[in-house]
Amino acid sequence: GQYWIDESIAAFQSAMFLTLELEQLSMDNVLADSQDVVLVTATVRDIQGRLVADSDLELTFTVQGGKGSYVVGTGNGDPTDRTKEGGAVRNAWQGYCRALIGVGVEPGTL
């Protein structure tokens, strides 16, 4: 017979670090006018950089830089999560969590 597929499954280890990624669409034409927002995705990773898919770590988002910038709210995609909307704290779900950041009135690095 012919060889059709090669699949490997690696077990992830304990959570070791987070990676943060800005949504690319959010970064196009972002203005420091207190009207724009950017979307940040936090991913829980193991020592080898793999997604820790069963992670439910509690994450707290804060903003430094960009005068007047703040955390608008967070989300994780979990339909059973009853965490208060608009907060800066949320548990990861399946290794992911997102934050919506309100851009302030002064240009800078967030």
N, C-alpha and C. Protein backbone atom coordinates (compact mmCIF):
# COMPACT_ATOMS: atom_id res chain seq x y z
N GLY A 1 0.80 -1.18 0.00
CA GLY A 1 0.00 0.00 0.00
C GLY A 1 0.86 1.26 0.00
N GLN A 2 0.18 2.35 -0.16
CA GLN A 2 0.84 3.64 -0.17
C GLN A 2 0.85 4.25 1.23
N TYR A 3 1.87 5.04 1.48
CA TYR A 3 2.01 5.76 2.74
C TYR A 3 1.16 7.03 2.67
N TRP A 4 0.18 7.20 3.57
CA TRP A 4 -0.76 8.31 3.47
C TRP A 4 -0.51 9.43 4.45
N ILE A 5 -0.15 9.11 5.67
CA ILE A 5 -0.05 10.17 6.67
C ILE A 5 1.00 9.82 7.71
N ASP A 6 1.64 10.84 8.20
CA ASP A 6 2.59 10.68 9.31
C ASP A 6 2.14 11.64 10.39
N GLU A 7 1.84 11.12 11.55
CA GLU A 7 1.32 11.95 12.63
C GLU A 7 2.11 11.67 13.90
N SER A 8 2.47 12.74 14.59
CA SER A 8 3.12 12.56 15.89
C SER A 8 2.42 13.45 16.90
N ILE A 9 2.31 12.92 18.09
CA ILE A 9 1.68 13.66 19.17
C ILE A 9 2.68 13.73 20.32
N ALA A 10 2.98 14.95 20.75
CA ALA A 10 3.91 15.14 21.86
C ALA A 10 3.15 15.65 23.07
N ALA A 11 3.45 15.08 24.20
CA ALA A 11 2.81 15.55 25.44
C ALA A 11 3.49 16.84 25.88
N PHE A 12 2.69 17.83 26.24
CA PHE A 12 3.25 19.07 26.73
C PHE A 12 3.58 18.92 28.21
N GLN A 13 4.40 19.84 28.69
CA GLN A 13 4.82 19.80 30.08
C GLN A 13 4.09 20.90 30.84
N SER A 14 4.55 21.18 32.05
CA SER A 14 3.95 22.23 32.88
C SER A 14 4.15 23.60 32.25
N ALA A 15 3.23 24.49 32.57
CA ALA A 15 3.31 25.87 32.08
C ALA A 15 4.58 26.53 32.61
N MET A 16 5.33 27.19 31.71
CA MET A 16 6.57 27.84 32.11
C MET A 16 6.59 29.33 31.78
N PHE A 17 5.94 29.73 30.69
CA PHE A 17 5.96 31.14 30.32
C PHE A 17 4.78 31.47 29.43
N LEU A 18 4.58 32.76 29.21
CA LEU A 18 3.52 33.25 28.34
C LEU A 18 4.13 33.92 27.13
N THR A 19 3.45 33.82 26.01
CA THR A 19 3.79 34.66 24.88
C THR A 19 2.61 35.59 24.66
N LEU A 20 2.90 36.82 24.28
CA LEU A 20 1.88 37.81 24.00
C LEU A 20 1.98 38.21 22.54
N GLU A 21 0.84 38.26 21.89
CA GLU A 21 0.81 38.61 20.47
C GLU A 21 -0.28 39.64 20.24
N LEU A 22 0.08 40.72 19.55
CA LEU A 22 -0.91 41.72 19.15
C LEU A 22 -1.59 41.27 17.88
N GLU A 23 -2.90 41.40 17.85
CA GLU A 23 -3.66 41.07 16.65
C GLU A 23 -3.21 42.01 15.54
N GLN A 24 -2.73 41.46 14.43
CA GLN A 24 -2.18 42.28 13.36
C GLN A 24 -3.19 43.28 12.82
N LEU A 25 -4.43 42.85 12.68
CA LEU A 25 -5.45 43.77 12.18
C LEU A 25 -5.63 44.97 13.10
N SER A 26 -5.41 44.75 14.40
CA SER A 26 -5.56 45.83 15.37
C SER A 26 -4.46 46.87 15.23
N MET A 27 -3.31 46.49 14.72
CA MET A 27 -2.17 47.40 14.68
C MET A 27 -2.15 48.29 13.45
N ASP A 28 -2.99 48.02 12.48
CA ASP A 28 -3.05 48.88 11.30
C ASP A 28 -3.76 50.18 11.66
N ASN A 29 -3.08 51.29 11.53
CA ASN A 29 -3.66 52.61 11.75
C ASN A 29 -4.19 52.84 13.15
N VAL A 30 -3.47 52.37 14.16
CA VAL A 30 -3.86 52.64 15.55
C VAL A 30 -3.46 54.08 15.87
N LEU A 31 -4.42 54.85 16.39
CA LEU A 31 -4.18 56.24 16.73
C LEU A 31 -4.23 56.44 18.24
N ALA A 32 -3.37 57.29 18.74
CA ALA A 32 -3.39 57.65 20.17
C ALA A 32 -4.43 58.75 20.36
N ASP A 33 -5.69 58.35 20.25
CA ASP A 33 -6.78 59.33 20.33
C ASP A 33 -7.84 58.93 21.36
N SER A 34 -7.53 57.97 22.19
CA SER A 34 -8.43 57.40 23.21
C SER A 34 -9.69 56.78 22.60
N GLN A 35 -9.67 56.50 21.29
CA GLN A 35 -10.80 55.89 20.61
C GLN A 35 -10.49 54.47 20.12
N ASP A 36 -9.21 54.17 19.89
CA ASP A 36 -8.82 52.88 19.32
C ASP A 36 -8.57 51.84 20.41
N VAL A 37 -8.62 50.58 19.98
CA VAL A 37 -8.30 49.46 20.85
C VAL A 37 -7.39 48.49 20.10
N VAL A 38 -6.63 47.70 20.84
CA VAL A 38 -5.83 46.62 20.27
C VAL A 38 -6.16 45.34 21.02
N LEU A 39 -6.04 44.22 20.34
CA LEU A 39 -6.35 42.93 20.91
C LEU A 39 -5.05 42.17 21.15
N VAL A 40 -4.86 41.70 22.38
CA VAL A 40 -3.66 40.96 22.76
C VAL A 40 -4.06 39.53 23.11
N THR A 41 -3.34 38.56 22.56
CA THR A 41 -3.57 37.16 22.89
C THR A 41 -2.40 36.65 23.71
N ALA A 42 -2.70 36.10 24.89
CA ALA A 42 -1.71 35.45 25.74
C ALA A 42 -1.82 33.95 25.53
N THR A 43 -0.68 33.31 25.30
CA THR A 43 -0.64 31.86 25.11
C THR A 43 0.26 31.25 26.18
N VAL A 44 -0.24 30.25 26.88
CA VAL A 44 0.53 29.57 27.93
C VAL A 44 1.38 28.49 27.25
N ARG A 45 2.68 28.52 27.53
CA ARG A 45 3.61 27.60 26.85
C ARG A 45 4.46 26.82 27.87
N ASP A 46 4.92 25.65 27.43
CA ASP A 46 5.81 24.85 28.27
C ASP A 46 7.25 25.24 27.98
N ILE A 47 8.20 24.56 28.63
CA ILE A 47 9.62 24.91 28.52
C ILE A 47 10.13 24.80 27.07
N GLN A 48 9.48 23.98 26.26
CA GLN A 48 9.89 23.82 24.86
C GLN A 48 9.11 24.73 23.91
N GLY A 49 8.28 25.62 24.49
CA GLY A 49 7.54 26.57 23.68
C GLY A 49 6.25 26.05 23.10
N ARG A 50 5.82 24.86 23.53
CA ARG A 50 4.57 24.29 23.03
C ARG A 50 3.39 24.81 23.85
N LEU A 51 2.24 24.93 23.20
CA LEU A 51 1.01 25.31 23.86
C LEU A 51 0.69 24.32 24.96
N VAL A 52 0.33 24.83 26.16
CA VAL A 52 -0.13 23.98 27.25
C VAL A 52 -1.66 24.01 27.18
N ALA A 53 -2.22 23.08 26.43
CA ALA A 53 -3.63 23.11 26.06
C ALA A 53 -4.59 22.89 27.22
N ASP A 54 -4.11 22.36 28.33
CA ASP A 54 -5.02 22.16 29.47
C ASP A 54 -4.85 23.24 30.53
N SER A 55 -4.14 24.31 30.20
CA SER A 55 -3.88 25.36 31.18
C SER A 55 -5.10 26.21 31.45
N ASP A 56 -5.33 26.45 32.73
CA ASP A 56 -6.39 27.37 33.16
C ASP A 56 -5.82 28.39 34.15
N LEU A 57 -4.55 28.76 33.94
CA LEU A 57 -3.89 29.73 34.81
C LEU A 57 -4.68 31.03 34.88
N GLU A 58 -4.70 31.63 36.07
CA GLU A 58 -5.31 32.95 36.21
C GLU A 58 -4.29 33.99 35.74
N LEU A 59 -4.70 34.82 34.78
CA LEU A 59 -3.83 35.84 34.22
C LEU A 59 -4.37 37.22 34.56
N THR A 60 -3.47 38.13 34.86
CA THR A 60 -3.83 39.53 35.13
C THR A 60 -3.13 40.39 34.10
N PHE A 61 -3.90 41.14 33.34
CA PHE A 61 -3.35 42.03 32.32
C PHE A 61 -3.21 43.43 32.89
N THR A 62 -2.08 44.06 32.64
CA THR A 62 -1.85 45.45 33.01
C THR A 62 -1.23 46.16 31.80
N VAL A 63 -1.33 47.48 31.80
CA VAL A 63 -0.79 48.27 30.70
C VAL A 63 0.23 49.25 31.28
N GLN A 64 1.39 49.29 30.65
CA GLN A 64 2.41 50.27 30.99
C GLN A 64 2.75 51.02 29.71
N GLY A 65 2.87 52.33 29.81
CA GLY A 65 3.16 53.13 28.63
C GLY A 65 1.88 53.58 27.97
N GLY A 66 2.00 54.53 27.08
CA GLY A 66 0.82 55.04 26.38
C GLY A 66 -0.14 55.70 27.35
N LYS A 67 0.14 56.94 27.72
CA LYS A 67 -0.66 57.66 28.72
C LYS A 67 -2.16 57.51 28.46
N GLY A 68 -2.86 57.05 29.48
CA GLY A 68 -4.30 56.89 29.38
C GLY A 68 -4.74 55.53 28.84
N SER A 69 -3.80 54.65 28.50
CA SER A 69 -4.16 53.32 28.01
C SER A 69 -4.61 52.45 29.18
N TYR A 70 -5.52 51.52 28.91
CA TYR A 70 -6.08 50.70 29.99
C TYR A 70 -6.64 49.39 29.43
N VAL A 71 -6.87 48.43 30.32
CA VAL A 71 -7.49 47.17 29.94
C VAL A 71 -8.99 47.36 29.89
N VAL A 72 -9.58 47.22 28.72
CA VAL A 72 -11.02 47.35 28.54
C VAL A 72 -11.72 46.11 29.09
N GLY A 73 -11.17 44.95 28.79
CA GLY A 73 -11.76 43.70 29.25
C GLY A 73 -10.94 42.52 28.77
N THR A 74 -11.36 41.34 29.19
CA THR A 74 -10.66 40.11 28.85
C THR A 74 -11.66 39.04 28.42
N GLY A 75 -11.15 38.01 27.77
CA GLY A 75 -11.99 36.89 27.37
C GLY A 75 -11.12 35.68 27.12
N ASN A 76 -11.76 34.51 27.11
CA ASN A 76 -11.00 33.30 26.88
C ASN A 76 -11.71 32.28 25.97
N GLY A 77 -12.91 32.56 25.56
CA GLY A 77 -13.64 31.65 24.68
C GLY A 77 -14.40 30.55 25.39
N ASP A 78 -14.26 30.45 26.69
CA ASP A 78 -14.95 29.40 27.46
C ASP A 78 -16.41 29.80 27.64
N PRO A 79 -17.34 29.05 27.05
CA PRO A 79 -18.74 29.42 27.17
C PRO A 79 -19.31 29.27 28.57
N THR A 80 -18.60 28.58 29.46
CA THR A 80 -19.08 28.41 30.84
C THR A 80 -18.44 29.40 31.80
N ASP A 81 -17.53 30.23 31.32
CA ASP A 81 -16.83 31.20 32.19
C ASP A 81 -17.79 32.32 32.57
N ARG A 82 -17.94 32.55 33.85
CA ARG A 82 -18.84 33.59 34.36
C ARG A 82 -18.08 34.76 34.99
N THR A 83 -16.82 34.92 34.60
CA THR A 83 -16.02 36.03 35.11
C THR A 83 -16.63 37.35 34.68
N LYS A 84 -16.60 38.32 35.57
CA LYS A 84 -17.16 39.65 35.30
C LYS A 84 -16.55 40.27 34.04
N GLU A 85 -17.41 40.78 33.19
CA GLU A 85 -16.95 41.47 31.99
C GLU A 85 -16.26 42.78 32.39
N GLY A 86 -15.28 43.17 31.62
CA GLY A 86 -14.61 44.43 31.86
C GLY A 86 -13.45 44.36 32.85
N GLY A 87 -13.18 43.18 33.37
CA GLY A 87 -12.08 43.04 34.32
C GLY A 87 -10.76 42.77 33.63
N ALA A 88 -9.67 42.91 34.38
CA ALA A 88 -8.34 42.67 33.86
C ALA A 88 -7.83 41.28 34.21
N VAL A 89 -8.62 40.51 34.97
CA VAL A 89 -8.21 39.18 35.42
C VAL A 89 -9.13 38.14 34.78
N ARG A 90 -8.51 37.08 34.24
CA ARG A 90 -9.29 36.01 33.62
C ARG A 90 -8.43 34.75 33.59
N ASN A 91 -9.05 33.60 33.75
CA ASN A 91 -8.33 32.34 33.61
C ASN A 91 -8.16 32.03 32.13
N ALA A 92 -7.01 31.43 31.80
CA ALA A 92 -6.81 30.93 30.45
C ALA A 92 -7.78 29.77 30.24
N TRP A 93 -8.11 29.51 29.02
CA TRP A 93 -8.93 28.35 28.67
C TRP A 93 -8.27 27.68 27.48
N GLN A 94 -7.95 26.41 27.65
CA GLN A 94 -7.24 25.65 26.64
C GLN A 94 -5.92 26.33 26.27
N GLY A 95 -5.33 27.03 27.24
CA GLY A 95 -4.03 27.65 27.05
C GLY A 95 -4.04 29.06 26.48
N TYR A 96 -5.23 29.63 26.26
CA TYR A 96 -5.33 30.96 25.66
C TYR A 96 -6.16 31.92 26.52
N CYS A 97 -5.84 33.19 26.40
CA CYS A 97 -6.63 34.25 27.01
C CYS A 97 -6.38 35.53 26.19
N ARG A 98 -7.39 36.38 26.10
CA ARG A 98 -7.25 37.60 25.31
C ARG A 98 -7.61 38.83 26.14
N ALA A 99 -7.00 39.94 25.80
CA ALA A 99 -7.31 41.21 26.44
C ALA A 99 -7.53 42.27 25.37
N LEU A 100 -8.49 43.11 25.62
CA LEU A 100 -8.76 44.25 24.76
C LEU A 100 -8.18 45.47 25.47
N ILE A 101 -7.25 46.16 24.81
CA ILE A 101 -6.55 47.30 25.41
C ILE A 101 -7.01 48.59 24.75
N GLY A 102 -7.51 49.51 25.56
CA GLY A 102 -7.88 50.82 25.07
C GLY A 102 -6.64 51.70 24.94
N VAL A 103 -6.46 52.29 23.78
CA VAL A 103 -5.28 53.12 23.51
C VAL A 103 -5.51 54.51 24.08
N GLY A 104 -4.49 55.05 24.72
CA GLY A 104 -4.60 56.36 25.37
C GLY A 104 -4.45 57.52 24.42
N VAL A 105 -4.05 58.65 24.98
CA VAL A 105 -4.02 59.91 24.23
C VAL A 105 -2.60 60.37 23.89
N GLU A 106 -1.61 59.56 24.22
CA GLU A 106 -0.23 59.95 23.95
C GLU A 106 0.49 58.81 23.22
N PRO A 107 1.12 59.10 22.10
CA PRO A 107 1.85 58.05 21.38
C PRO A 107 2.92 57.42 22.27
N GLY A 108 3.14 56.13 22.09
CA GLY A 108 4.15 55.43 22.87
C GLY A 108 4.08 53.95 22.62
N THR A 109 4.83 53.22 23.40
CA THR A 109 4.87 51.78 23.31
C THR A 109 4.05 51.20 24.44
N LEU A 110 3.15 50.27 24.12
CA LEU A 110 2.36 49.61 25.15
C LEU A 110 3.04 48.34 25.58
